[in-house]
Amino acid sequence: MRRHSFISLAVAGLLMAVWLAAAMPARGQNGYTGADLERMGQWLTFHELNLYRLEMPTYASPYAAALTSGKHGWRIVVFLRDGGVTNVDWDSGFLKRPFQAASTDNFVLMSRVGTKFGVSFSGCDAQNCASNYGALVYLPWSHEFFQKAVATHTVACSEALMDPRNAAALRALDAALRRQQAGNVHYVSPPCPVTRPSAP
């Protein structure tokens, strides 16, 4: 697992509450206070998670998305400030293959996915990154989760991606896969397999 922008969680609550609130006043404009940031840090500390990125853009308010990791791998947590209290809205749990190897650059918030915004992340198998890789997209406003994975010459997609209404999510997944395979200038994301109706 490649690690970047590590923040020790022994002081994460204090750092987030003081540094972010003081140095980045836009956080307060999004509705997040020092106490909210400290609450996030306490939750991460309790779950023994290291914080790598925390995103709170204005278009995502009142949500915040964190890329973290622990002893079992990468983990994405989405926080929601509702009724004056910040709590966890979604927790990906520890991501298994093909998300073993990744970096903070693979964690992207998108302002236009569906009707609101989305969180995307991509990674690959630490033993075979070129052939085994995948991406996920989570849409906080609708609580929808999509995934697309490539293993050698096999492609697996969330069944919901076959619905034309989820075309934006599929485009976001393909964009995440292109970022994942940035070393291959000719990379084209393979299509999802066509599902056929079961025989009667």
Protein backbone atom coordinates (compact mmCIF):
# COMPACT_ATOMS: atom_id res chain seq x y z
CA MET A 1 0.00 0.00 0.00
CA ARG A 2 1.52 3.31 -1.05
CA ARG A 3 1.11 5.91 1.66
CA HIS A 4 0.99 9.65 1.19
CA SER A 5 -0.06 12.63 3.31
CA PHE A 6 -0.15 10.63 6.53
CA ILE A 7 -1.52 12.33 9.65
CA SER A 8 -0.85 10.63 13.00
CA LEU A 9 -4.19 10.06 14.66
CA ALA A 10 -2.71 10.47 18.09
CA VAL A 11 -3.09 14.21 17.43
CA ALA A 12 -5.55 14.13 14.52
CA GLY A 13 -8.48 15.50 16.48
CA LEU A 14 -6.51 18.45 17.78
CA LEU A 15 -4.79 19.13 14.45
CA MET A 16 -8.01 19.03 12.49
CA ALA A 17 -9.87 21.18 15.00
CA VAL A 18 -7.18 23.82 15.33
CA TRP A 19 -5.27 23.84 12.04
CA LEU A 20 -8.15 23.34 9.63
CA ALA A 21 -10.50 25.68 11.43
CA ALA A 22 -7.87 28.42 11.70
CA ALA A 23 -5.95 28.07 8.43
CA MET A 24 -8.89 27.15 6.22
CA PRO A 25 -11.91 29.27 7.22
CA ALA A 26 -13.83 27.93 4.22
CA ARG A 27 -14.44 24.82 6.33
CA GLY A 28 -16.61 26.89 8.61
CA GLN A 29 -18.50 28.17 5.58
CA ASN A 30 -19.38 24.57 4.78
CA GLY A 31 -20.97 24.25 8.20
CA TYR A 32 -18.08 22.37 9.83
CA THR A 33 -16.69 23.70 13.08
CA GLY A 34 -13.58 22.81 15.02
CA ALA A 35 -15.75 20.60 17.20
CA ASP A 36 -17.00 18.73 14.10
CA LEU A 37 -13.45 18.14 12.91
CA GLU A 38 -12.43 16.96 16.33
CA ARG A 39 -15.38 14.55 16.38
CA MET A 40 -14.22 13.10 13.05
CA GLY A 41 -10.72 12.69 14.42
CA GLN A 42 -12.02 10.94 17.53
CA TRP A 43 -14.05 8.51 15.43
CA LEU A 44 -11.03 7.69 13.29
CA THR A 45 -8.83 7.27 16.33
CA PHE A 46 -11.35 4.95 18.00
CA HIS A 47 -11.37 2.74 14.90
CA GLU A 48 -7.56 2.87 14.66
CA LEU A 49 -7.61 4.48 11.23
CA ASN A 50 -4.94 6.70 9.72
CA LEU A 51 -6.21 9.74 7.82
CA TYR A 52 -4.74 10.38 4.37
CA ARG A 53 -7.19 12.87 2.86
CA LEU A 54 -10.23 14.79 4.05
CA GLU A 55 -12.39 16.47 1.41
CA MET A 56 -15.11 19.03 2.15
CA PRO A 57 -15.74 21.03 -1.06
CA THR A 58 -18.63 23.47 -1.13
CA TYR A 59 -20.56 21.39 -3.68
CA ALA A 60 -20.51 18.41 -1.29
CA SER A 61 -21.81 20.25 1.79
CA PRO A 62 -23.04 19.03 4.29
CA TYR A 63 -20.95 15.93 3.52
CA ALA A 64 -17.24 15.29 4.05
CA ALA A 65 -15.30 12.34 2.67
CA ALA A 66 -12.19 10.82 4.21
CA LEU A 67 -9.67 8.39 2.77
CA THR A 68 -8.22 6.32 5.60
CA SER A 69 -6.38 3.08 6.16
CA GLY A 70 -5.84 0.62 8.96
CA LYS A 71 -4.18 -2.71 9.49
CA HIS A 72 -6.61 -4.35 7.07
CA GLY A 73 -6.26 -1.92 4.17
CA TRP A 74 -7.87 1.18 2.72
CA ARG A 75 -11.22 2.41 4.02
CA ILE A 76 -13.45 5.30 2.90
CA VAL A 77 -15.66 7.12 5.37
CA VAL A 78 -18.32 9.71 4.50
CA PHE A 79 -19.40 12.07 7.27
CA LEU A 80 -22.66 14.03 7.33
CA ARG A 81 -23.42 17.11 9.39
CA ASP A 82 -27.13 16.90 10.13
CA GLY A 83 -29.04 18.72 12.83
CA GLY A 84 -25.87 20.32 14.13
CA VAL A 85 -24.13 16.98 14.72
CA THR A 86 -21.55 15.26 12.53
CA ASN A 87 -21.84 11.48 12.25
CA VAL A 88 -20.73 8.73 9.89
CA ASP A 89 -23.13 8.48 6.94
CA TRP A 90 -21.31 5.68 5.09
CA ASP A 91 -18.36 3.42 5.83
CA SER A 92 -16.92 1.29 3.02
CA GLY A 93 -15.32 -1.11 5.46
CA PHE A 94 -11.84 -2.34 4.64
CA LEU A 95 -11.48 -2.63 0.87
CA LYS A 96 -10.21 -5.99 -0.34
CA ARG A 97 -8.79 -6.85 -3.76
CA PRO A 98 -8.31 -5.16 -6.11
CA PHE A 99 -7.77 -2.16 -3.80
CA GLN A 100 -4.60 -3.30 -2.04
CA ALA A 101 -2.26 -0.85 -3.78
CA ALA A 102 -3.43 2.74 -4.20
CA SER A 103 -2.49 6.33 -3.43
CA THR A 104 -4.25 9.49 -2.37
CA ASP A 105 -4.38 10.52 -6.04
CA ASN A 106 -6.86 7.68 -6.59
CA PHE A 107 -9.36 9.30 -4.20
CA VAL A 108 -11.48 11.85 -6.07
CA LEU A 109 -14.69 13.72 -5.30
CA MET A 110 -16.74 14.50 -8.39
CA SER A 111 -19.12 17.43 -8.52
CA ARG A 112 -21.44 16.08 -11.20
CA VAL A 113 -22.34 12.43 -10.92
CA GLY A 114 -26.04 11.76 -11.17
CA THR A 115 -27.85 14.77 -9.72
CA LYS A 116 -25.34 15.61 -6.98
CA PHE A 117 -21.78 14.39 -6.48
CA GLY A 118 -19.84 11.21 -5.96
CA VAL A 119 -16.81 9.75 -4.27
CA SER A 120 -14.52 7.61 -6.45
CA PHE A 121 -11.52 5.48 -5.61
CA SER A 122 -9.40 3.06 -7.59
CA GLY A 123 -6.66 0.60 -6.80
CA CYS A 124 -5.02 -2.60 -7.90
CA ASP A 125 -3.72 -5.94 -6.73
CA ALA A 126 -0.33 -5.42 -5.13
CA GLN A 127 1.02 -8.54 -6.88
CA ASN A 128 -0.36 -7.79 -10.35
CA CYS A 129 -1.31 -4.14 -10.67
CA ALA A 130 -1.28 -4.05 -14.47
CA SER A 131 -3.84 -6.83 -14.89
CA ASN A 132 -5.95 -6.81 -11.73
CA TYR A 133 -7.46 -3.43 -10.82
CA GLY A 134 -10.77 -1.80 -10.10
CA ALA A 135 -12.73 1.29 -9.15
CA LEU A 136 -15.69 2.18 -7.00
CA VAL A 137 -18.14 5.07 -6.89
CA TYR A 138 -20.38 6.01 -3.99
CA LEU A 139 -23.18 8.58 -4.32
CA PRO A 140 -23.90 9.96 -0.83
CA TRP A 141 -27.12 11.74 -1.72
CA SER A 142 -28.79 8.58 -3.03
CA HIS A 143 -26.76 6.02 -1.05
CA GLU A 144 -25.87 4.15 -4.24
CA PHE A 145 -22.67 2.13 -4.59
CA PHE A 146 -21.13 0.94 -7.87
CA GLN A 147 -18.02 -1.06 -8.64
CA LYS A 148 -16.11 -2.18 -11.72
CA ALA A 149 -13.18 -4.58 -11.58
CA VAL A 150 -10.84 -6.04 -14.18
CA ALA A 151 -9.04 -9.33 -13.53
CA THR A 152 -6.75 -10.28 -16.45
CA HIS A 153 -9.33 -10.45 -19.26
CA THR A 154 -12.46 -10.67 -17.10
CA VAL A 155 -14.61 -7.65 -16.26
CA ALA A 156 -17.07 -7.56 -13.35
CA CYS A 157 -19.57 -4.72 -12.91
CA SER A 158 -22.33 -3.87 -10.49
CA GLU A 159 -25.58 -5.05 -12.04
CA ALA A 160 -27.12 -1.60 -11.57
CA LEU A 161 -24.64 -0.19 -14.12
CA MET A 162 -26.71 -1.86 -16.84
CA ASP A 163 -29.46 0.67 -16.13
CA PRO A 164 -29.11 3.68 -18.51
CA ARG A 165 -30.05 5.96 -15.61
CA ASN A 166 -26.68 5.11 -14.07
CA ALA A 167 -24.65 6.13 -17.12
CA ALA A 168 -22.98 8.97 -15.17
CA ALA A 169 -21.77 6.51 -12.53
CA LEU A 170 -20.35 4.24 -15.24
CA ARG A 171 -18.51 7.17 -16.84
CA ALA A 172 -17.08 8.07 -13.43
CA LEU A 173 -15.87 4.49 -12.93
CA ASP A 174 -14.24 4.45 -16.36
CA ALA A 175 -12.53 7.77 -15.59
CA ALA A 176 -11.22 6.31 -12.32
CA LEU A 177 -9.90 3.25 -14.16
CA ARG A 178 -8.12 5.50 -16.66
CA ARG A 179 -6.44 7.32 -13.78
CA GLN A 180 -5.48 3.98 -12.31
CA GLN A 181 -3.89 2.89 -15.59
CA ALA A 182 -2.32 6.28 -16.36
CA GLY A 183 0.96 4.59 -17.28
CA ASN A 184 -0.75 3.09 -20.33
CA VAL A 185 -1.37 6.03 -22.68
CA HIS A 186 -3.52 3.87 -24.97
CA TYR A 187 -5.71 2.49 -22.18
CA VAL A 188 -9.42 2.10 -22.88
CA SER A 189 -11.68 0.89 -20.10
CA PRO A 190 -13.23 -2.45 -21.12
CA PRO A 191 -17.02 -2.55 -21.31
CA CYS A 192 -19.16 -4.24 -18.72
CA PRO A 193 -20.33 -7.70 -19.76
CA VAL A 194 -23.82 -7.81 -21.18
CA THR A 195 -26.15 -9.70 -18.87
CA ARG A 196 -28.66 -11.93 -20.57
CA PRO A 197 -32.04 -12.79 -19.04
CA SER A 198 -32.21 -16.21 -17.45
CA ALA A 199 -33.88 -18.97 -19.41
CA PRO A 200 -37.47 -19.62 -18.32
